[in-house]
């Protein structure tokens, strides 16, 4: 299994993650701004059967996908340096929903989600701020997304991101510090540094998840953790 992470995440997190698969460290230059230049959720979007990626993702990562027989599709829109041109692929897709600011979503994602319920939100950095979990459960740090999902009758937990690290900003998103694979939720840091640790832990454990904390420190927004098989 390949595990794609921002090269800038803490080294201790990379070491622990390497027990679960081969680590691919993402870094780019002159595509988007520095804080998110290695974020997997900026460059990739997973749908049910396809991995959709930005067409200006550097070739060395395309070669890694080829070598590991990971099927992918190039999107149409090239990422650029300023929002919203940084967020074309930052959508959330699960078995039932496509959630994103649908005004900016790349056509390749929309084409593969025609059979899903489409929920448009104002937040273009949707995957950065929304963690999809099993059985249509979610965690978000965005109040607009929270209200929209609640209005649809969807079970969603709102959490603060005040303690989350994102270099270049006052804070990042909690959800950007997480990745989900099978029955495990991986966290780039430790919940003990989050003021709502008990609420988050209870929510995840009640859904049947095992929490894997990747290092002892504040949660680091690395643009999610992408697991590819």
Protein backbone atom coordinates (compact mmCIF):
# COMPACT_ATOMS: atom_id res chain seq x y z
CA UNK A 1 0.00 0.00 0.00
CA UNK A 2 1.12 3.55 -0.76
CA UNK A 3 0.62 6.28 1.81
CA UNK A 4 0.88 9.81 0.41
CA UNK A 5 1.77 12.54 2.91
CA UNK A 6 3.08 16.09 2.84
CA UNK A 7 6.86 15.96 3.08
CA UNK A 8 6.63 18.61 5.82
CA UNK A 9 4.83 16.42 8.38
CA UNK A 10 6.91 15.50 11.46
CA UNK A 11 9.52 12.77 10.92
CA UNK A 12 8.20 10.72 13.83
CA UNK A 13 4.82 10.53 12.12
CA UNK A 14 6.44 9.27 8.90
CA UNK A 15 8.29 6.56 10.80
CA UNK A 16 5.16 5.29 12.51
CA UNK A 17 3.12 5.44 9.31
CA UNK A 18 5.76 3.38 7.51
CA UNK A 19 4.62 0.36 9.54
CA UNK A 20 1.42 0.42 7.47
CA UNK A 21 2.75 0.97 3.95
CA UNK A 22 5.26 2.69 1.69
CA UNK A 23 5.48 6.42 2.38
CA UNK A 24 5.35 8.79 -0.59
CA UNK A 25 6.42 12.29 0.44
CA UNK A 26 4.65 14.92 -1.63
CA UNK A 27 6.32 18.23 -2.40
CA UNK A 28 5.83 20.64 -5.27
CA UNK A 29 7.17 24.02 -6.31
CA UNK A 30 5.65 26.92 -8.21
CA UNK A 31 2.20 25.34 -8.44
CA UNK A 32 0.41 26.59 -5.36
CA UNK A 33 1.38 28.45 -2.21
CA UNK A 34 3.91 26.95 0.18
CA UNK A 35 1.69 26.00 3.12
CA UNK A 36 -0.37 23.60 0.98
CA UNK A 37 2.20 22.75 -1.70
CA UNK A 38 2.57 19.19 -0.39
CA UNK A 39 -1.00 18.54 0.70
CA UNK A 40 -2.42 15.33 -0.80
CA UNK A 41 -6.00 16.63 -0.59
CA UNK A 42 -5.06 19.58 -2.83
CA UNK A 43 -3.74 17.36 -5.62
CA UNK A 44 -5.86 14.20 -5.32
CA UNK A 45 -9.52 13.24 -4.97
CA UNK A 46 -10.66 9.65 -4.47
CA UNK A 47 -14.05 8.61 -5.82
CA UNK A 48 -15.55 5.12 -5.56
CA UNK A 49 -13.42 3.57 -8.29
CA UNK A 50 -11.03 6.25 -9.44
CA UNK A 51 -8.20 8.41 -8.22
CA UNK A 52 -8.50 11.83 -9.81
CA UNK A 53 -5.50 14.09 -9.75
CA UNK A 54 -4.48 17.55 -10.85
CA UNK A 55 -2.95 17.50 -14.35
CA UNK A 56 0.03 19.56 -13.18
CA UNK A 57 1.04 17.12 -10.47
CA UNK A 58 4.79 16.53 -11.06
CA UNK A 59 5.62 13.59 -13.32
CA UNK A 60 7.65 11.78 -10.68
CA UNK A 61 4.44 11.06 -8.75
CA UNK A 62 2.66 9.86 -11.88
CA UNK A 63 5.56 7.45 -12.42
CA UNK A 64 5.21 6.12 -8.87
CA UNK A 65 1.51 5.47 -9.47
CA UNK A 66 2.29 3.72 -12.78
CA UNK A 67 4.96 1.55 -11.16
CA UNK A 68 2.56 0.49 -8.41
CA UNK A 69 -0.32 -0.10 -10.84
CA UNK A 70 -2.50 2.55 -9.20
CA UNK A 71 -5.17 3.58 -11.72
CA UNK A 72 -5.67 7.31 -12.00
CA UNK A 73 -7.39 9.91 -14.13
CA UNK A 74 -6.14 13.41 -14.79
CA UNK A 75 -8.58 16.20 -14.11
CA UNK A 76 -9.10 19.12 -16.46
CA UNK A 77 -8.26 22.12 -14.27
CA UNK A 78 -4.68 23.09 -13.53
CA UNK A 79 -3.97 24.13 -9.97
CA UNK A 80 -2.63 27.65 -9.50
CA UNK A 81 -1.36 29.85 -6.71
CA UNK A 82 -4.51 31.54 -5.41
CA UNK A 83 -7.87 30.35 -4.10
CA UNK A 84 -10.19 29.12 -5.60
CA UNK A 85 -7.73 27.81 -8.19
CA UNK A 86 -6.04 25.84 -5.40
CA UNK A 87 -9.18 23.91 -4.43
CA UNK A 88 -10.54 22.24 -7.58
CA UNK A 89 -9.87 18.73 -6.22
CA UNK A 90 -10.48 19.35 -2.52
CA UNK A 91 -13.83 17.57 -2.53
CA UNK A 92 -15.24 14.89 -0.22
CA UNK A 93 -16.67 11.79 -1.87
CA UNK A 94 -18.14 8.76 -0.13
CA UNK A 95 -20.60 6.04 -1.17
CA UNK A 96 -23.55 8.41 -1.08
CA UNK A 97 -22.37 12.01 -1.36
CA UNK A 98 -20.21 14.46 -3.22
CA UNK A 99 -19.63 17.44 -0.94
CA UNK A 100 -17.76 20.49 -2.19
CA UNK A 101 -18.19 24.00 -3.47
CA UNK A 102 -19.67 22.67 -6.70
CA UNK A 103 -19.00 25.95 -8.50
CA UNK A 104 -15.32 25.03 -8.65
CA UNK A 105 -15.28 21.21 -8.63
CA UNK A 106 -13.30 19.70 -11.50
CA UNK A 107 -15.45 18.08 -14.20
CA UNK A 108 -13.69 14.71 -13.81
CA UNK A 109 -15.00 14.49 -10.25
CA UNK A 110 -18.51 15.61 -11.20
CA UNK A 111 -18.65 13.08 -14.06
CA UNK A 112 -17.88 10.19 -11.70
CA UNK A 113 -20.37 11.28 -9.07
CA UNK A 114 -23.50 11.57 -11.20
CA UNK A 115 -25.24 8.86 -9.17
CA UNK A 116 -24.55 10.56 -5.84
CA UNK A 117 -26.36 13.14 -3.79
CA UNK A 118 -24.61 16.43 -4.47
CA UNK A 119 -24.20 18.84 -1.58
CA UNK A 120 -22.74 22.23 -2.40
CA UNK A 121 -21.08 24.22 0.37
CA UNK A 122 -19.34 27.59 0.34
CA UNK A 123 -16.04 26.14 1.52
CA UNK A 124 -13.76 25.22 -1.39
CA UNK A 125 -11.24 23.59 0.96
CA UNK A 126 -13.83 20.99 1.79
CA UNK A 127 -11.67 17.91 2.40
CA UNK A 128 -9.30 20.08 4.44
CA UNK A 129 -12.15 20.81 6.84
CA UNK A 130 -14.40 17.71 6.56
CA UNK A 131 -13.47 14.16 7.53
CA UNK A 132 -15.70 11.46 5.99
CA UNK A 133 -16.30 8.43 8.18
CA UNK A 134 -18.27 5.20 7.81
CA UNK A 135 -22.06 5.12 7.49
CA UNK A 136 -22.33 8.78 6.44
CA UNK A 137 -20.82 10.20 9.62
CA UNK A 138 -18.52 13.21 9.47
CA UNK A 139 -16.32 15.52 11.52
CA UNK A 140 -15.90 19.15 10.47
CA UNK A 141 -14.29 22.37 11.67
CA UNK A 142 -16.28 24.55 9.26
CA UNK A 143 -19.48 26.06 10.65
CA UNK A 144 -21.04 26.43 7.22
CA UNK A 145 -20.45 22.78 6.35
CA UNK A 146 -21.74 21.75 9.77
CA UNK A 147 -25.01 23.65 9.32
CA UNK A 148 -25.48 22.37 5.77
CA UNK A 149 -24.99 18.72 6.69
CA UNK A 150 -27.18 19.00 9.79
CA UNK A 151 -29.94 20.50 7.64
CA UNK A 152 -29.73 17.37 5.47
CA UNK A 153 -30.17 15.11 8.50
CA UNK A 154 -26.55 13.94 8.37
CA UNK A 155 -24.70 13.05 11.57
CA UNK A 156 -21.75 15.42 11.90
CA UNK A 157 -19.54 16.45 14.81
CA UNK A 158 -18.21 20.01 14.94
CA UNK A 159 -14.77 20.43 16.49
CA UNK A 160 -12.38 23.33 16.98
CA UNK A 161 -9.16 23.66 15.01
CA UNK A 162 -7.59 26.31 17.23
CA UNK A 163 -4.80 24.01 18.41
CA UNK A 164 -3.95 22.58 14.98
CA UNK A 165 -0.59 23.51 13.43
CA UNK A 166 -0.31 24.73 9.82
CA UNK A 167 2.95 26.55 9.05
CA UNK A 168 2.26 30.01 7.66
CA UNK A 169 -1.16 30.31 9.32
CA UNK A 170 -2.47 30.87 12.83
CA UNK A 171 -3.91 27.35 12.72
CA UNK A 172 -4.92 24.61 10.30
CA UNK A 173 -7.89 22.25 10.18
CA UNK A 174 -8.30 19.25 12.47
CA UNK A 175 -9.52 17.15 9.54
CA UNK A 176 -6.40 17.96 7.53
CA UNK A 177 -4.45 16.22 10.28
CA UNK A 178 -6.30 12.95 9.77
CA UNK A 179 -6.57 10.01 7.42
CA UNK A 180 -8.92 7.02 7.42
CA UNK A 181 -8.12 3.49 6.31
CA UNK A 182 -10.51 0.62 6.98
CA UNK A 183 -11.30 0.68 10.72
CA UNK A 184 -8.48 3.05 11.68
CA UNK A 185 -8.32 6.83 11.99
CA UNK A 186 -4.75 8.10 11.81
CA UNK A 187 -3.98 11.43 13.45
CA UNK A 188 -0.89 13.54 12.80
CA UNK A 189 -0.35 14.24 16.48
CA UNK A 190 -2.03 13.37 19.75
CA UNK A 191 -5.59 14.10 20.82
CA UNK A 192 -4.33 14.97 24.30
CA UNK A 193 -3.33 18.37 22.91
CA UNK A 194 -6.87 19.08 21.68
CA UNK A 195 -9.39 20.66 24.06
CA UNK A 196 -12.21 18.42 22.74
CA UNK A 197 -10.18 15.22 22.94
CA UNK A 198 -12.76 13.22 24.88
CA UNK A 199 -15.62 14.19 22.54
CA UNK A 200 -13.58 13.28 19.46
CA UNK A 201 -12.38 10.01 20.96
CA UNK A 202 -15.90 9.00 21.99
CA UNK A 203 -17.34 9.87 18.57
CA UNK A 204 -14.75 7.79 16.72
CA UNK A 205 -14.80 4.83 19.08
CA UNK A 206 -18.59 4.68 19.00
CA UNK A 207 -18.29 4.25 15.24
CA UNK A 208 -15.91 1.34 15.76
CA UNK A 209 -12.67 3.08 14.85
CA UNK A 210 -9.25 2.47 16.35
CA UNK A 211 -7.36 5.75 16.79
CA UNK A 212 -3.71 5.75 15.71
CA UNK A 213 -1.80 8.77 17.04
CA UNK A 214 1.31 9.21 14.92
CA UNK A 215 3.48 11.23 17.30
CA UNK A 216 3.31 12.95 20.67
CA UNK A 217 2.63 16.58 19.82
CA UNK A 218 0.03 19.05 18.59
CA UNK A 219 -2.02 17.93 15.63
CA UNK A 220 -0.36 18.92 12.34
CA UNK A 221 -2.47 19.80 9.31
CA UNK A 222 -0.71 17.92 6.52
CA UNK A 223 -3.57 18.08 4.03
CA UNK A 224 -4.82 14.64 5.08
CA UNK A 225 -3.19 11.23 4.69
CA UNK A 226 -3.98 9.43 1.43
CA UNK A 227 -4.01 5.62 1.39
CA UNK A 228 -3.76 3.94 -2.03
CA UNK A 229 -3.99 0.23 -2.83
